[in-house]
Amino acid sequence: MYKHTQLLGWQIAVPVLIGIAVTAWIGIARKEPISLFVCLALVLTLILFSSLTVTADPQTILVAFGPGLIRKRIALSQVRACRPVRNKWYYGWGVRLIPGGLMFNVANLDAVELDMDNGRIFRIGTDEPEKLTAAISTNIAPLS
């Protein structure tokens, strides 16, 4: 069993917090309700994407952002291979479409790439790529 939570990277947290503060100040100072709605949306986004928790057991991998409303469950029977990779900087953070598949990431550029049986890939951003790869690899059925 593997479980690890990675917190939102400062690269995202600091600009979002500044955006919340500026938007709230504008909304209060100018009495503009739309600014307060934007501020609320930024706060909600920060909460939803505050962390990324990865849990791997012998049957499944669960990848969940923040409180778990945004998540993906993957049966290990669907995974053909996995390996540590380095994301390109412009792939960004959050839930992202990337060439060949999908990525969940909250910080840094390290990830584990899963080759799925449907020909797509799924990347899991992590600050423990070697440990996550080892946890998943031990439970993947060998290719025939």
N, C-alpha and C. Protein backbone atom coordinates (compact mmCIF):
# COMPACT_ATOMS: atom_id res chain seq x y z
N MET A 1 0.84 -1.18 0.00
CA MET A 1 0.00 0.00 0.00
C MET A 1 0.88 1.25 0.00
N TYR A 2 0.57 2.18 -0.89
CA TYR A 2 1.30 3.43 -1.00
C TYR A 2 0.31 4.57 -0.85
N LYS A 3 0.65 5.57 -0.04
CA LYS A 3 -0.18 6.76 0.07
C LYS A 3 0.72 7.95 0.32
N HIS A 4 0.53 8.99 -0.49
CA HIS A 4 1.35 10.19 -0.35
C HIS A 4 0.54 11.40 -0.79
N THR A 5 0.66 12.48 -0.01
CA THR A 5 0.00 13.73 -0.35
C THR A 5 1.05 14.79 -0.62
N GLN A 6 0.92 15.44 -1.75
CA GLN A 6 1.81 16.52 -2.13
C GLN A 6 1.00 17.81 -2.10
N LEU A 7 1.53 18.85 -1.46
CA LEU A 7 0.83 20.12 -1.37
C LEU A 7 1.04 20.96 -2.62
N LEU A 8 0.12 21.87 -2.82
CA LEU A 8 0.19 22.80 -3.95
C LEU A 8 1.53 23.53 -3.94
N GLY A 9 2.14 23.65 -5.08
CA GLY A 9 3.43 24.33 -5.20
C GLY A 9 3.29 25.83 -5.03
N TRP A 10 4.35 26.45 -4.53
CA TRP A 10 4.33 27.90 -4.32
C TRP A 10 4.15 28.65 -5.63
N GLN A 11 4.56 28.02 -6.75
CA GLN A 11 4.46 28.68 -8.06
C GLN A 11 3.01 29.01 -8.41
N ILE A 12 2.09 28.24 -7.88
CA ILE A 12 0.66 28.47 -8.11
C ILE A 12 0.05 29.18 -6.91
N ALA A 13 0.38 28.74 -5.70
CA ALA A 13 -0.25 29.28 -4.50
C ALA A 13 -0.02 30.78 -4.34
N VAL A 14 1.19 31.26 -4.53
CA VAL A 14 1.49 32.68 -4.33
C VAL A 14 0.71 33.56 -5.32
N PRO A 15 0.75 33.30 -6.63
CA PRO A 15 -0.04 34.15 -7.53
C PRO A 15 -1.55 34.10 -7.27
N VAL A 16 -2.07 32.93 -6.91
CA VAL A 16 -3.50 32.82 -6.62
C VAL A 16 -3.84 33.60 -5.36
N LEU A 17 -3.02 33.50 -4.32
CA LEU A 17 -3.26 34.26 -3.10
C LEU A 17 -3.20 35.77 -3.35
N ILE A 18 -2.25 36.19 -4.17
CA ILE A 18 -2.17 37.62 -4.54
C ILE A 18 -3.42 38.01 -5.31
N GLY A 19 -3.85 37.15 -6.24
CA GLY A 19 -5.08 37.42 -7.00
C GLY A 19 -6.30 37.53 -6.11
N ILE A 20 -6.38 36.67 -5.09
CA ILE A 20 -7.50 36.72 -4.14
C ILE A 20 -7.47 38.04 -3.38
N ALA A 21 -6.29 38.42 -2.88
CA ALA A 21 -6.18 39.66 -2.11
C ALA A 21 -6.53 40.88 -2.95
N VAL A 22 -5.99 40.98 -4.15
CA VAL A 22 -6.26 42.13 -5.03
C VAL A 22 -7.73 42.17 -5.43
N THR A 23 -8.27 41.04 -5.80
CA THR A 23 -9.68 40.99 -6.21
C THR A 23 -10.61 41.34 -5.05
N ALA A 24 -10.30 40.85 -3.86
CA ALA A 24 -11.11 41.18 -2.68
C ALA A 24 -11.02 42.67 -2.37
N TRP A 25 -9.82 43.23 -2.45
CA TRP A 25 -9.64 44.66 -2.20
C TRP A 25 -10.44 45.49 -3.20
N ILE A 26 -10.38 45.13 -4.47
CA ILE A 26 -11.15 45.85 -5.50
C ILE A 26 -12.65 45.73 -5.22
N GLY A 27 -13.08 44.53 -4.90
CA GLY A 27 -14.50 44.31 -4.64
C GLY A 27 -15.01 45.10 -3.46
N ILE A 28 -14.21 45.18 -2.40
CA ILE A 28 -14.63 45.91 -1.21
C ILE A 28 -14.50 47.42 -1.42
N ALA A 29 -13.35 47.85 -1.96
CA ALA A 29 -13.11 49.29 -2.13
C ALA A 29 -14.07 49.92 -3.13
N ARG A 30 -14.36 49.23 -4.19
CA ARG A 30 -15.22 49.79 -5.25
C ARG A 30 -16.66 49.29 -5.16
N LYS A 31 -16.91 48.44 -4.17
CA LYS A 31 -18.24 47.86 -4.00
C LYS A 31 -18.75 47.21 -5.29
N GLU A 32 -17.87 46.42 -5.89
CA GLU A 32 -18.21 45.70 -7.12
C GLU A 32 -18.47 44.24 -6.79
N PRO A 33 -19.72 43.80 -6.86
CA PRO A 33 -20.05 42.41 -6.52
C PRO A 33 -19.34 41.39 -7.41
N ILE A 34 -19.12 41.72 -8.67
CA ILE A 34 -18.49 40.76 -9.58
C ILE A 34 -17.08 40.41 -9.10
N SER A 35 -16.37 41.39 -8.53
CA SER A 35 -15.03 41.12 -8.00
C SER A 35 -15.08 40.14 -6.85
N LEU A 36 -16.11 40.24 -6.03
CA LEU A 36 -16.24 39.31 -4.91
C LEU A 36 -16.57 37.91 -5.40
N PHE A 37 -17.35 37.80 -6.49
CA PHE A 37 -17.62 36.48 -7.08
C PHE A 37 -16.34 35.87 -7.65
N VAL A 38 -15.53 36.70 -8.30
CA VAL A 38 -14.25 36.22 -8.83
C VAL A 38 -13.35 35.77 -7.67
N CYS A 39 -13.34 36.54 -6.59
CA CYS A 39 -12.56 36.19 -5.41
C CYS A 39 -13.01 34.84 -4.85
N LEU A 40 -14.32 34.65 -4.76
CA LEU A 40 -14.86 33.39 -4.27
C LEU A 40 -14.45 32.23 -5.18
N ALA A 41 -14.49 32.44 -6.49
CA ALA A 41 -14.08 31.40 -7.44
C ALA A 41 -12.60 31.05 -7.26
N LEU A 42 -11.76 32.05 -7.02
CA LEU A 42 -10.34 31.79 -6.80
C LEU A 42 -10.11 31.02 -5.50
N VAL A 43 -10.84 31.37 -4.45
CA VAL A 43 -10.73 30.65 -3.18
C VAL A 43 -11.15 29.20 -3.37
N LEU A 44 -12.27 28.99 -4.06
CA LEU A 44 -12.76 27.63 -4.32
C LEU A 44 -11.73 26.83 -5.12
N THR A 45 -11.15 27.44 -6.13
CA THR A 45 -10.12 26.78 -6.94
C THR A 45 -8.91 26.40 -6.08
N LEU A 46 -8.50 27.32 -5.22
CA LEU A 46 -7.36 27.05 -4.35
C LEU A 46 -7.65 25.87 -3.41
N ILE A 47 -8.87 25.80 -2.89
CA ILE A 47 -9.24 24.68 -2.01
C ILE A 47 -9.28 23.37 -2.79
N LEU A 48 -9.92 23.39 -3.96
CA LEU A 48 -10.07 22.16 -4.76
C LEU A 48 -8.74 21.58 -5.22
N PHE A 49 -7.76 22.46 -5.48
CA PHE A 49 -6.47 22.02 -6.01
C PHE A 49 -5.33 22.23 -5.02
N SER A 50 -5.63 22.22 -3.71
CA SER A 50 -4.64 22.51 -2.68
C SER A 50 -3.61 21.40 -2.50
N SER A 51 -3.94 20.20 -2.90
CA SER A 51 -3.02 19.07 -2.74
C SER A 51 -3.38 17.98 -3.74
N LEU A 52 -2.50 17.02 -3.85
CA LEU A 52 -2.75 15.85 -4.69
C LEU A 52 -2.36 14.62 -3.87
N THR A 53 -3.33 13.77 -3.60
CA THR A 53 -3.09 12.55 -2.84
C THR A 53 -3.16 11.36 -3.78
N VAL A 54 -2.12 10.53 -3.73
CA VAL A 54 -2.05 9.33 -4.55
C VAL A 54 -2.04 8.13 -3.61
N THR A 55 -2.97 7.23 -3.86
CA THR A 55 -3.04 5.99 -3.10
C THR A 55 -2.97 4.84 -4.09
N ALA A 56 -2.08 3.89 -3.81
CA ALA A 56 -1.96 2.71 -4.68
C ALA A 56 -2.02 1.47 -3.81
N ASP A 57 -2.88 0.55 -4.20
CA ASP A 57 -2.95 -0.75 -3.54
C ASP A 57 -2.80 -1.81 -4.63
N PRO A 58 -2.87 -3.09 -4.31
CA PRO A 58 -2.65 -4.11 -5.33
C PRO A 58 -3.67 -4.12 -6.48
N GLN A 59 -4.82 -3.45 -6.32
CA GLN A 59 -5.83 -3.45 -7.37
C GLN A 59 -6.02 -2.11 -8.07
N THR A 60 -5.85 -1.00 -7.35
CA THR A 60 -6.20 0.32 -7.91
C THR A 60 -5.21 1.40 -7.54
N ILE A 61 -5.28 2.46 -8.33
CA ILE A 61 -4.58 3.71 -8.03
C ILE A 61 -5.68 4.76 -7.93
N LEU A 62 -5.66 5.54 -6.87
CA LEU A 62 -6.59 6.64 -6.71
C LEU A 62 -5.79 7.92 -6.64
N VAL A 63 -6.11 8.87 -7.52
CA VAL A 63 -5.45 10.16 -7.55
C VAL A 63 -6.52 11.21 -7.29
N ALA A 64 -6.37 12.00 -6.21
CA ALA A 64 -7.42 12.94 -5.82
C ALA A 64 -6.83 14.30 -5.46
N PHE A 65 -7.43 15.35 -6.01
CA PHE A 65 -7.05 16.71 -5.65
C PHE A 65 -7.77 17.15 -4.39
N GLY A 66 -7.10 17.92 -3.56
CA GLY A 66 -7.70 18.56 -2.39
C GLY A 66 -8.62 17.65 -1.61
N PRO A 67 -9.89 18.08 -1.42
CA PRO A 67 -10.83 17.30 -0.62
C PRO A 67 -11.36 16.06 -1.34
N GLY A 68 -10.99 15.84 -2.59
CA GLY A 68 -11.37 14.62 -3.29
C GLY A 68 -12.52 14.73 -4.26
N LEU A 69 -13.03 15.94 -4.50
CA LEU A 69 -14.10 16.10 -5.48
C LEU A 69 -13.62 15.82 -6.90
N ILE A 70 -12.37 16.17 -7.17
CA ILE A 70 -11.77 15.92 -8.47
C ILE A 70 -10.79 14.76 -8.28
N ARG A 71 -11.13 13.62 -8.87
CA ARG A 71 -10.32 12.42 -8.65
C ARG A 71 -10.43 11.48 -9.84
N LYS A 72 -9.49 10.55 -9.87
CA LYS A 72 -9.51 9.52 -10.90
C LYS A 72 -9.08 8.21 -10.26
N ARG A 73 -9.87 7.18 -10.50
CA ARG A 73 -9.56 5.84 -10.01
C ARG A 73 -9.17 5.00 -11.22
N ILE A 74 -8.04 4.31 -11.11
CA ILE A 74 -7.53 3.50 -12.21
C ILE A 74 -7.33 2.07 -11.71
N ALA A 75 -7.93 1.13 -12.39
CA ALA A 75 -7.70 -0.28 -12.07
C ALA A 75 -6.32 -0.66 -12.59
N LEU A 76 -5.51 -1.31 -11.76
CA LEU A 76 -4.17 -1.70 -12.20
C LEU A 76 -4.22 -2.69 -13.36
N SER A 77 -5.34 -3.37 -13.53
CA SER A 77 -5.47 -4.28 -14.67
C SER A 77 -5.47 -3.51 -16.00
N GLN A 78 -5.70 -2.19 -15.95
CA GLN A 78 -5.70 -1.36 -17.17
C GLN A 78 -4.33 -0.77 -17.46
N VAL A 79 -3.38 -0.92 -16.53
CA VAL A 79 -2.05 -0.32 -16.68
C VAL A 79 -1.09 -1.35 -17.26
N ARG A 80 -0.45 -1.00 -18.36
CA ARG A 80 0.48 -1.91 -19.03
C ARG A 80 1.93 -1.68 -18.59
N ALA A 81 2.26 -0.43 -18.25
CA ALA A 81 3.63 -0.10 -17.83
C ALA A 81 3.61 1.24 -17.11
N CYS A 82 4.63 1.48 -16.31
CA CYS A 82 4.77 2.80 -15.68
C CYS A 82 6.25 3.13 -15.56
N ARG A 83 6.54 4.42 -15.56
CA ARG A 83 7.92 4.87 -15.47
C ARG A 83 7.96 6.32 -14.98
N PRO A 84 9.03 6.69 -14.28
CA PRO A 84 9.18 8.09 -13.90
C PRO A 84 9.51 8.92 -15.13
N VAL A 85 8.94 10.11 -15.22
CA VAL A 85 9.19 11.02 -16.33
C VAL A 85 9.33 12.44 -15.80
N ARG A 86 9.76 13.32 -16.66
CA ARG A 86 9.85 14.75 -16.33
C ARG A 86 8.92 15.49 -17.28
N ASN A 87 7.97 16.23 -16.73
CA ASN A 87 7.05 17.00 -17.55
C ASN A 87 7.73 18.22 -18.13
N LYS A 88 7.27 18.64 -19.28
CA LYS A 88 7.73 19.91 -19.84
C LYS A 88 7.10 21.03 -19.01
N TRP A 89 7.80 22.13 -18.86
CA TRP A 89 7.32 23.21 -18.00
C TRP A 89 5.97 23.74 -18.46
N TYR A 90 5.73 23.73 -19.76
CA TYR A 90 4.48 24.30 -20.26
C TYR A 90 3.28 23.36 -20.15
N TYR A 91 3.47 22.14 -19.64
CA TYR A 91 2.33 21.27 -19.36
C TYR A 91 1.50 21.83 -18.22
N GLY A 92 2.13 22.60 -17.34
CA GLY A 92 1.40 23.29 -16.29
C GLY A 92 1.00 22.41 -15.13
N TRP A 93 0.01 22.90 -14.39
CA TRP A 93 -0.48 22.23 -13.19
C TRP A 93 -1.98 22.11 -13.25
N GLY A 94 -2.52 21.21 -12.45
CA GLY A 94 -3.96 20.97 -12.44
C GLY A 94 -4.28 19.73 -13.26
N VAL A 95 -5.49 19.70 -13.81
CA VAL A 95 -5.91 18.63 -14.71
C VAL A 95 -5.61 19.13 -16.11
N ARG A 96 -4.74 18.43 -16.82
CA ARG A 96 -4.29 18.93 -18.12
C ARG A 96 -4.35 17.84 -19.19
N LEU A 97 -4.77 18.25 -20.37
CA LEU A 97 -4.61 17.38 -21.54
C LEU A 97 -3.18 17.55 -22.01
N ILE A 98 -2.50 16.45 -22.20
CA ILE A 98 -1.13 16.47 -22.70
C ILE A 98 -1.07 15.56 -23.92
N PRO A 99 -0.02 15.64 -24.72
CA PRO A 99 0.06 14.75 -25.87
C PRO A 99 -0.08 13.29 -25.46
N GLY A 100 -1.08 12.62 -25.98
CA GLY A 100 -1.28 11.21 -25.72
C GLY A 100 -2.15 10.88 -24.53
N GLY A 101 -2.56 11.89 -23.76
CA GLY A 101 -3.38 11.55 -22.60
C GLY A 101 -3.71 12.70 -21.68
N LEU A 102 -3.70 12.39 -20.38
CA LEU A 102 -4.16 13.30 -19.34
C LEU A 102 -3.13 13.35 -18.22
N MET A 103 -3.08 14.48 -17.51
CA MET A 103 -2.14 14.64 -16.40
C MET A 103 -2.84 15.30 -15.22
N PHE A 104 -2.54 14.81 -14.00
CA PHE A 104 -2.94 15.46 -12.75
C PHE A 104 -1.63 15.90 -12.09
N ASN A 105 -1.52 17.19 -11.73
CA ASN A 105 -0.27 17.69 -11.16
C ASN A 105 -0.54 18.91 -10.30
N VAL A 106 0.14 19.03 -9.14
CA VAL A 106 0.01 20.21 -8.29
C VAL A 106 1.31 20.99 -8.14
N ALA A 107 2.43 20.39 -8.42
CA ALA A 107 3.70 21.09 -8.22
C ALA A 107 4.80 20.37 -8.99
N ASN A 108 5.89 21.01 -9.14
CA ASN A 108 7.12 20.55 -9.80
C ASN A 108 6.88 19.83 -11.13
N LEU A 109 7.96 19.30 -11.68
CA LEU A 109 7.90 18.71 -13.02
C LEU A 109 8.01 17.19 -13.03
N ASP A 110 8.24 16.58 -11.89
CA ASP A 110 8.38 15.12 -11.84
C ASP A 110 7.01 14.46 -11.88
N ALA A 111 6.95 13.31 -12.53
CA ALA A 111 5.69 12.58 -12.65
C ALA A 111 5.97 11.10 -12.88
N VAL A 112 4.91 10.32 -12.78
CA VAL A 112 4.95 8.91 -13.17
C VAL A 112 3.96 8.76 -14.32
N GLU A 113 4.44 8.20 -15.42
CA GLU A 113 3.60 8.01 -16.59
C GLU A 113 3.10 6.58 -16.64
N LEU A 114 1.78 6.44 -16.77
CA LEU A 114 1.16 5.12 -16.89
C LEU A 114 0.77 4.90 -18.35
N ASP A 115 1.20 3.78 -18.92
CA ASP A 115 0.73 3.37 -20.25
C ASP A 115 -0.52 2.54 -20.03
N MET A 116 -1.64 3.02 -20.55
CA MET A 116 -2.92 2.35 -20.33
C MET A 116 -3.21 1.36 -21.46
N ASP A 117 -4.07 0.39 -21.19
CA ASP A 117 -4.38 -0.63 -22.19
C ASP A 117 -5.18 -0.08 -23.37
N ASN A 118 -5.72 1.14 -23.27
CA ASN A 118 -6.44 1.75 -24.38
C ASN A 118 -5.53 2.57 -25.29
N GLY A 119 -4.21 2.52 -25.04
CA GLY A 119 -3.25 3.25 -25.87
C GLY A 119 -2.98 4.67 -25.40
N ARG A 120 -3.68 5.14 -24.40
CA ARG A 120 -3.50 6.48 -23.86
C ARG A 120 -2.49 6.44 -22.72
N ILE A 121 -2.07 7.61 -22.27
CA ILE A 121 -1.21 7.70 -21.10
C ILE A 121 -1.92 8.52 -20.03
N PHE A 122 -1.50 8.31 -18.80
CA PHE A 122 -1.97 9.12 -17.68
C PHE A 122 -0.76 9.45 -16.84
N ARG A 123 -0.52 10.74 -16.59
CA ARG A 123 0.62 11.16 -15.79
C ARG A 123 0.15 11.65 -14.43
N ILE A 124 0.86 11.21 -13.41
CA ILE A 124 0.59 11.61 -12.03
C ILE A 124 1.78 12.42 -11.55
N GLY A 125 1.58 13.71 -11.31
CA GLY A 125 2.64 14.55 -10.78
C GLY A 125 2.96 14.12 -9.36
N THR A 126 4.24 14.03 -9.04
CA THR A 126 4.65 13.57 -7.70
C THR A 126 6.04 14.07 -7.36
N ASP A 127 6.29 14.24 -6.08
CA ASP A 127 7.65 14.55 -5.62
C ASP A 127 8.36 13.27 -5.17
N GLU A 128 7.71 12.11 -5.41
CA GLU A 128 8.30 10.81 -5.11
C GLU A 128 8.16 9.87 -6.31
N PRO A 129 8.72 10.24 -7.46
CA PRO A 129 8.50 9.41 -8.66
C PRO A 129 9.04 7.99 -8.54
N GLU A 130 10.18 7.79 -7.89
CA GLU A 130 10.75 6.45 -7.78
C GLU A 130 9.90 5.56 -6.86
N LYS A 131 9.46 6.10 -5.73
CA LYS A 131 8.64 5.32 -4.79
C LYS A 131 7.29 4.96 -5.41
N LEU A 132 6.66 5.93 -6.09
CA LEU A 132 5.37 5.65 -6.71
C LEU A 132 5.52 4.63 -7.83
N THR A 133 6.56 4.76 -8.64
CA THR A 133 6.80 3.79 -9.71
C THR A 133 6.98 2.39 -9.14
N ALA A 134 7.75 2.27 -8.06
CA ALA A 134 7.98 0.97 -7.43
C ALA A 134 6.67 0.39 -6.90
N ALA A 135 5.85 1.23 -6.26
CA ALA A 135 4.58 0.75 -5.69
C ALA A 135 3.64 0.25 -6.78
N ILE A 136 3.62 0.93 -7.91
CA ILE A 136 2.72 0.53 -9.00
C ILE A 136 3.29 -0.68 -9.75
N SER A 137 4.57 -0.65 -10.05
CA SER A 137 5.20 -1.71 -10.84
C SER A 137 5.07 -3.09 -10.23
N THR A 138 5.12 -3.16 -8.91
CA THR A 138 5.03 -4.47 -8.26
C THR A 138 3.67 -5.11 -8.44
N ASN A 139 2.68 -4.32 -8.82
CA ASN A 139 1.31 -4.87 -8.95
C ASN A 139 0.79 -4.89 -10.38
N ILE A 140 1.63 -4.54 -11.35
CA ILE A 140 1.22 -4.60 -12.76
C ILE A 140 1.44 -6.01 -13.28
N ALA A 141 0.43 -6.54 -13.97
CA ALA A 141 0.58 -7.86 -14.57
C ALA A 141 1.60 -7.78 -15.71
N PRO A 142 2.53 -8.72 -15.78
CA PRO A 142 3.52 -8.70 -16.87
C PRO A 142 2.84 -8.90 -18.23
N LEU A 143 3.40 -8.21 -19.24
CA LEU A 143 2.85 -8.34 -20.60
C LEU A 143 3.19 -9.70 -21.16
N SER A 144 2.25 -10.27 -21.90
CA SER A 144 2.48 -11.59 -22.50
C SER A 144 3.04 -11.46 -23.88
